[in-house]
């Protein structure tokens, strides 16, 4: 939960680097929240709750994705590769699970050594 809260506190922050743990733990908690919201929508029948949850997580999802790309030494603009059908998602997933740069890079110091 701390990783999720860290991302939510850095709502608009695209500078620096995000470890794999930060990225995946954020999405795990977000997925759980989205499932609960979907169940509530099914009970209520409006579809409003899921939409609000998705809207609230749009910006932090982008910013943590940009910081994750920074961790592997790529520009945040590479996040747009996920818009390519099929192959874009495969490349984006590979980068999301790839080990970050062990040394400092253009986007900051290694977040593993900072913890």
N, C-alpha and C. Protein backbone atom coordinates (compact mmCIF):
# COMPACT_ATOMS: atom_id res chain seq x y z
N UNK A 1 0.83 -1.20 0.00
CA UNK A 1 0.00 0.00 0.00
C UNK A 1 0.87 1.26 0.00
N UNK A 2 2.05 1.18 0.64
CA UNK A 2 2.93 2.35 0.68
C UNK A 2 3.39 2.76 -0.72
N UNK A 3 3.63 1.77 -1.58
CA UNK A 3 4.04 2.08 -2.95
C UNK A 3 2.92 2.81 -3.69
N UNK A 4 1.70 2.36 -3.49
CA UNK A 4 0.54 3.00 -4.12
C UNK A 4 0.41 4.44 -3.65
N UNK A 5 0.52 4.64 -2.35
CA UNK A 5 0.41 5.99 -1.78
C UNK A 5 1.54 6.89 -2.25
N UNK A 6 2.73 6.32 -2.43
CA UNK A 6 3.86 7.11 -2.92
C UNK A 6 3.56 7.65 -4.32
N UNK A 7 2.99 6.80 -5.17
CA UNK A 7 2.64 7.23 -6.53
C UNK A 7 1.54 8.28 -6.48
N UNK A 8 0.53 8.08 -5.64
CA UNK A 8 -0.58 9.03 -5.56
C UNK A 8 -0.12 10.38 -5.00
N UNK A 9 0.88 10.37 -4.11
CA UNK A 9 1.41 11.63 -3.59
C UNK A 9 2.22 12.38 -4.65
N UNK A 10 2.82 11.64 -5.58
CA UNK A 10 3.59 12.23 -6.68
C UNK A 10 2.73 12.33 -7.93
N UNK A 11 1.51 12.81 -7.77
CA UNK A 11 0.48 12.81 -8.80
C UNK A 11 0.96 13.37 -10.14
N UNK A 12 1.64 14.51 -10.12
CA UNK A 12 2.07 15.16 -11.36
C UNK A 12 3.57 15.09 -11.59
N UNK A 13 4.29 14.31 -10.81
CA UNK A 13 5.75 14.27 -10.87
C UNK A 13 6.22 13.28 -11.92
N UNK A 14 6.86 13.80 -12.97
CA UNK A 14 7.42 12.92 -14.00
C UNK A 14 8.94 12.90 -13.95
N UNK A 15 9.54 13.57 -12.99
CA UNK A 15 10.99 13.57 -12.90
C UNK A 15 11.45 12.45 -11.97
N UNK A 16 12.63 11.95 -12.23
CA UNK A 16 13.18 10.89 -11.41
C UNK A 16 12.90 9.52 -12.00
N UNK A 17 13.08 8.52 -11.16
CA UNK A 17 12.97 7.14 -11.60
C UNK A 17 12.04 6.37 -10.68
N UNK A 18 11.37 5.36 -11.21
CA UNK A 18 10.49 4.49 -10.42
C UNK A 18 10.97 3.05 -10.56
N UNK A 19 11.18 2.40 -9.43
CA UNK A 19 11.58 1.00 -9.44
C UNK A 19 10.44 0.12 -9.96
N UNK A 20 10.79 -1.10 -10.32
CA UNK A 20 9.76 -2.05 -10.74
C UNK A 20 8.76 -2.29 -9.63
N UNK A 21 9.25 -2.36 -8.40
CA UNK A 21 8.36 -2.60 -7.26
C UNK A 21 7.33 -1.50 -7.14
N UNK A 22 7.77 -0.25 -7.23
CA UNK A 22 6.84 0.88 -7.14
C UNK A 22 5.80 0.80 -8.25
N UNK A 23 6.24 0.54 -9.46
CA UNK A 23 5.35 0.48 -10.62
C UNK A 23 4.31 -0.63 -10.47
N UNK A 24 4.77 -1.85 -10.19
CA UNK A 24 3.86 -2.99 -10.16
C UNK A 24 2.97 -3.01 -8.92
N UNK A 25 3.47 -2.54 -7.79
CA UNK A 25 2.62 -2.50 -6.59
C UNK A 25 1.52 -1.45 -6.75
N UNK A 26 1.85 -0.33 -7.40
CA UNK A 26 0.83 0.67 -7.68
C UNK A 26 -0.28 0.05 -8.54
N UNK A 27 0.11 -0.64 -9.62
CA UNK A 27 -0.90 -1.21 -10.50
C UNK A 27 -1.67 -2.36 -9.85
N UNK A 28 -1.04 -3.08 -8.94
CA UNK A 28 -1.75 -4.15 -8.24
C UNK A 28 -2.86 -3.57 -7.36
N UNK A 29 -2.55 -2.52 -6.61
CA UNK A 29 -3.57 -1.88 -5.76
C UNK A 29 -4.63 -1.21 -6.63
N UNK A 30 -4.21 -0.56 -7.70
CA UNK A 30 -5.17 0.06 -8.62
C UNK A 30 -6.11 -0.99 -9.22
N UNK A 31 -5.58 -2.15 -9.57
CA UNK A 31 -6.40 -3.22 -10.11
C UNK A 31 -7.44 -3.67 -9.09
N UNK A 32 -7.02 -3.81 -7.84
CA UNK A 32 -7.96 -4.21 -6.78
C UNK A 32 -9.06 -3.17 -6.62
N UNK A 33 -8.69 -1.90 -6.63
CA UNK A 33 -9.68 -0.83 -6.51
C UNK A 33 -10.63 -0.84 -7.71
N UNK A 34 -10.08 -1.06 -8.90
CA UNK A 34 -10.91 -1.09 -10.11
C UNK A 34 -11.88 -2.27 -10.09
N UNK A 35 -11.45 -3.40 -9.57
CA UNK A 35 -12.35 -4.56 -9.48
C UNK A 35 -13.49 -4.27 -8.51
N UNK A 36 -13.16 -3.69 -7.36
CA UNK A 36 -14.21 -3.33 -6.39
C UNK A 36 -15.16 -2.32 -7.00
N UNK A 37 -14.62 -1.33 -7.71
CA UNK A 37 -15.47 -0.32 -8.36
C UNK A 37 -16.36 -0.97 -9.41
N UNK A 38 -15.81 -1.94 -10.15
CA UNK A 38 -16.61 -2.64 -11.15
C UNK A 38 -17.74 -3.45 -10.52
N UNK A 39 -17.45 -4.07 -9.39
CA UNK A 39 -18.50 -4.81 -8.68
C UNK A 39 -19.58 -3.88 -8.16
N UNK A 40 -19.17 -2.73 -7.64
CA UNK A 40 -20.14 -1.75 -7.17
C UNK A 40 -20.98 -1.22 -8.33
N UNK A 41 -20.35 -1.01 -9.47
CA UNK A 41 -21.09 -0.58 -10.66
C UNK A 41 -22.12 -1.62 -11.08
N UNK A 42 -21.74 -2.89 -10.99
CA UNK A 42 -22.67 -3.96 -11.35
C UNK A 42 -23.86 -3.99 -10.41
N UNK A 43 -23.62 -3.70 -9.14
CA UNK A 43 -24.71 -3.68 -8.17
C UNK A 43 -25.62 -2.47 -8.37
N UNK A 44 -25.01 -1.32 -8.61
CA UNK A 44 -25.77 -0.08 -8.76
C UNK A 44 -26.34 0.03 -10.17
N UNK A 45 -25.56 -0.36 -11.16
CA UNK A 45 -26.03 -0.34 -12.54
C UNK A 45 -25.79 0.95 -13.28
N UNK A 46 -24.97 1.85 -12.73
CA UNK A 46 -24.73 3.13 -13.40
C UNK A 46 -23.45 3.16 -14.23
N UNK A 47 -22.40 2.53 -13.76
CA UNK A 47 -21.12 2.59 -14.44
C UNK A 47 -20.34 3.84 -14.11
N UNK A 48 -20.80 4.59 -13.18
CA UNK A 48 -20.17 5.86 -12.82
C UNK A 48 -18.95 5.68 -11.93
N UNK A 49 -19.00 4.73 -11.01
CA UNK A 49 -17.92 4.56 -10.03
C UNK A 49 -16.63 4.13 -10.73
N UNK A 50 -16.72 3.16 -11.62
CA UNK A 50 -15.54 2.71 -12.36
C UNK A 50 -14.93 3.81 -13.20
N UNK A 51 -15.77 4.61 -13.81
CA UNK A 51 -15.28 5.74 -14.60
C UNK A 51 -14.55 6.77 -13.77
N UNK A 52 -15.08 7.05 -12.59
CA UNK A 52 -14.42 8.01 -11.69
C UNK A 52 -13.10 7.47 -11.17
N UNK A 53 -13.06 6.18 -10.86
CA UNK A 53 -11.81 5.55 -10.40
C UNK A 53 -10.77 5.60 -11.51
N UNK A 54 -11.16 5.28 -12.73
CA UNK A 54 -10.23 5.33 -13.86
C UNK A 54 -9.74 6.74 -14.11
N UNK A 55 -10.62 7.71 -14.02
CA UNK A 55 -10.24 9.10 -14.23
C UNK A 55 -9.27 9.58 -13.15
N UNK A 56 -9.52 9.19 -11.90
CA UNK A 56 -8.64 9.59 -10.79
C UNK A 56 -7.25 8.97 -10.92
N UNK A 57 -7.14 7.83 -11.59
CA UNK A 57 -5.86 7.14 -11.72
C UNK A 57 -5.17 7.37 -13.06
N UNK A 58 -5.78 8.14 -13.94
CA UNK A 58 -5.20 8.37 -15.26
C UNK A 58 -3.84 9.06 -15.17
N UNK A 59 -3.78 10.18 -14.51
CA UNK A 59 -2.53 10.95 -14.42
C UNK A 59 -1.45 10.19 -13.66
N UNK A 60 -1.74 9.64 -12.46
CA UNK A 60 -0.67 8.90 -11.78
C UNK A 60 -0.19 7.67 -12.55
N UNK A 61 -1.05 7.03 -13.31
CA UNK A 61 -0.63 5.89 -14.11
C UNK A 61 0.35 6.32 -15.19
N UNK A 62 0.11 7.46 -15.79
CA UNK A 62 1.02 7.98 -16.81
C UNK A 62 2.34 8.40 -16.18
N UNK A 63 2.27 9.12 -15.06
CA UNK A 63 3.50 9.62 -14.46
C UNK A 63 4.38 8.49 -13.91
N UNK A 64 3.78 7.46 -13.31
CA UNK A 64 4.61 6.34 -12.83
C UNK A 64 5.16 5.56 -14.03
N UNK A 65 4.44 5.50 -15.13
CA UNK A 65 4.95 4.87 -16.34
C UNK A 65 6.15 5.62 -16.91
N UNK A 66 6.06 6.94 -16.90
CA UNK A 66 7.18 7.77 -17.38
C UNK A 66 8.39 7.56 -16.48
N UNK A 67 8.18 7.59 -15.17
CA UNK A 67 9.31 7.39 -14.25
C UNK A 67 9.89 5.99 -14.37
N UNK A 68 9.04 5.00 -14.68
CA UNK A 68 9.54 3.63 -14.89
C UNK A 68 10.43 3.58 -16.13
N UNK A 69 10.02 4.27 -17.18
CA UNK A 69 10.86 4.33 -18.38
C UNK A 69 12.17 5.05 -18.09
N UNK A 70 12.12 6.08 -17.26
CA UNK A 70 13.35 6.77 -16.87
C UNK A 70 14.31 5.81 -16.17
N UNK A 71 13.77 4.86 -15.41
CA UNK A 71 14.61 3.92 -14.68
C UNK A 71 15.42 3.03 -15.62
N UNK A 72 14.91 2.78 -16.81
CA UNK A 72 15.65 1.96 -17.77
C UNK A 72 16.38 2.83 -18.79
N UNK A 73 16.39 4.14 -18.56
CA UNK A 73 17.16 5.04 -19.41
C UNK A 73 16.43 5.51 -20.66
N UNK A 74 15.13 5.43 -20.68
CA UNK A 74 14.34 5.85 -21.84
C UNK A 74 13.54 7.10 -21.51
N UNK A 75 13.26 7.87 -22.53
CA UNK A 75 12.42 9.05 -22.39
C UNK A 75 10.98 8.63 -22.12
N UNK A 76 10.25 9.47 -21.43
CA UNK A 76 8.85 9.19 -21.16
C UNK A 76 7.99 9.14 -22.40
N UNK A 77 8.45 9.75 -23.48
CA UNK A 77 7.69 9.72 -24.72
C UNK A 77 7.54 8.30 -25.26
N UNK A 78 8.43 7.40 -24.86
CA UNK A 78 8.33 6.01 -25.29
C UNK A 78 7.08 5.33 -24.76
N UNK A 79 6.42 5.95 -23.78
CA UNK A 79 5.17 5.40 -23.26
C UNK A 79 4.11 5.31 -24.37
N UNK A 80 4.24 6.18 -25.35
CA UNK A 80 3.28 6.19 -26.47
C UNK A 80 3.37 4.96 -27.36
N UNK A 81 4.44 4.19 -27.22
CA UNK A 81 4.58 2.97 -28.03
C UNK A 81 3.46 1.98 -27.73
N UNK A 82 2.88 2.08 -26.53
CA UNK A 82 1.79 1.18 -26.15
C UNK A 82 0.55 1.40 -27.02
N UNK A 83 0.49 2.50 -27.74
CA UNK A 83 -0.64 2.76 -28.63
C UNK A 83 -0.59 1.94 -29.91
N UNK A 84 0.57 1.38 -30.23
CA UNK A 84 0.68 0.51 -31.40
C UNK A 84 -0.05 -0.80 -31.12
N UNK A 85 -0.83 -1.26 -32.06
CA UNK A 85 -1.56 -2.51 -31.83
C UNK A 85 -0.60 -3.68 -31.60
N UNK A 86 -0.89 -4.49 -30.63
CA UNK A 86 -0.21 -5.72 -30.23
C UNK A 86 1.28 -5.54 -29.92
N UNK A 87 2.08 -5.21 -30.90
CA UNK A 87 3.52 -5.13 -30.69
C UNK A 87 3.88 -4.03 -29.69
N UNK A 88 3.14 -2.94 -29.68
CA UNK A 88 3.40 -1.86 -28.73
C UNK A 88 3.22 -2.30 -27.30
N UNK A 89 2.15 -3.05 -27.02
CA UNK A 89 1.92 -3.56 -25.67
C UNK A 89 2.98 -4.54 -25.23
N UNK A 90 3.45 -5.36 -26.15
CA UNK A 90 4.50 -6.33 -25.82
C UNK A 90 5.79 -5.61 -25.46
N UNK A 91 6.16 -4.60 -26.23
CA UNK A 91 7.38 -3.83 -25.94
C UNK A 91 7.23 -3.09 -24.62
N UNK A 92 6.08 -2.46 -24.40
CA UNK A 92 5.85 -1.72 -23.15
C UNK A 92 5.90 -2.66 -21.95
N UNK A 93 5.34 -3.85 -22.07
CA UNK A 93 5.39 -4.82 -20.98
C UNK A 93 6.82 -5.26 -20.71
N UNK A 94 7.57 -5.49 -21.76
CA UNK A 94 8.98 -5.87 -21.60
C UNK A 94 9.74 -4.78 -20.83
N UNK A 95 9.55 -3.53 -21.20
CA UNK A 95 10.23 -2.44 -20.52
C UNK A 95 9.78 -2.31 -19.07
N UNK A 96 8.52 -2.63 -18.81
CA UNK A 96 8.00 -2.53 -17.44
C UNK A 96 8.60 -3.58 -16.51
N UNK A 97 8.96 -4.73 -17.06
CA UNK A 97 9.53 -5.79 -16.22
C UNK A 97 11.06 -5.82 -16.26
N UNK A 98 11.64 -5.02 -17.12
CA UNK A 98 13.09 -4.99 -17.27
C UNK A 98 13.74 -4.35 -16.05
N UNK A 99 14.88 -4.89 -15.66
CA UNK A 99 15.67 -4.35 -14.55
C UNK A 99 16.11 -2.93 -14.90
N UNK A 100 16.04 -2.03 -13.94
CA UNK A 100 16.47 -0.66 -14.15
C UNK A 100 17.97 -0.55 -14.24
N UNK A 101 18.45 0.60 -14.72
CA UNK A 101 19.89 0.84 -14.80
C UNK A 101 20.49 0.80 -13.40
N UNK A 102 21.57 0.03 -13.25
CA UNK A 102 22.22 -0.10 -11.95
C UNK A 102 22.94 1.17 -11.54
N UNK A 103 23.40 1.91 -12.51
CA UNK A 103 24.13 3.16 -12.25
C UNK A 103 23.21 4.35 -12.42
N UNK A 104 23.69 5.51 -12.02
CA UNK A 104 22.95 6.74 -12.26
C UNK A 104 22.80 6.92 -13.78
N UNK A 105 21.69 7.49 -14.18
CA UNK A 105 21.51 7.79 -15.60
C UNK A 105 21.06 9.25 -15.73
N UNK A 106 20.67 9.65 -16.92
CA UNK A 106 20.31 11.05 -17.17
C UNK A 106 19.10 11.49 -16.37
N UNK A 107 18.33 10.55 -15.83
CA UNK A 107 17.09 10.88 -15.13
C UNK A 107 17.22 10.83 -13.61
N UNK A 108 18.38 10.50 -13.12
CA UNK A 108 18.59 10.49 -11.68
C UNK A 108 19.41 9.31 -11.20
N UNK A 109 19.52 9.22 -9.89
CA UNK A 109 20.28 8.13 -9.31
C UNK A 109 19.43 6.88 -9.20
N UNK A 110 20.08 5.76 -8.99
CA UNK A 110 19.40 4.48 -8.87
C UNK A 110 18.49 4.50 -7.65
N UNK A 111 17.17 4.31 -7.82
CA UNK A 111 16.26 4.35 -6.67
C UNK A 111 16.47 3.20 -5.69
N UNK A 112 17.09 2.11 -6.13
CA UNK A 112 17.36 1.00 -5.22
C UNK A 112 18.39 1.39 -4.17
N UNK A 113 19.38 2.17 -4.57
CA UNK A 113 20.40 2.59 -3.61
C UNK A 113 19.92 3.74 -2.74
N UNK A 114 18.88 4.43 -3.18
CA UNK A 114 18.35 5.56 -2.40
C UNK A 114 17.46 5.08 -1.26
N UNK A 115 16.89 3.86 -1.38
CA UNK A 115 16.00 3.35 -0.33
C UNK A 115 16.75 2.91 0.90
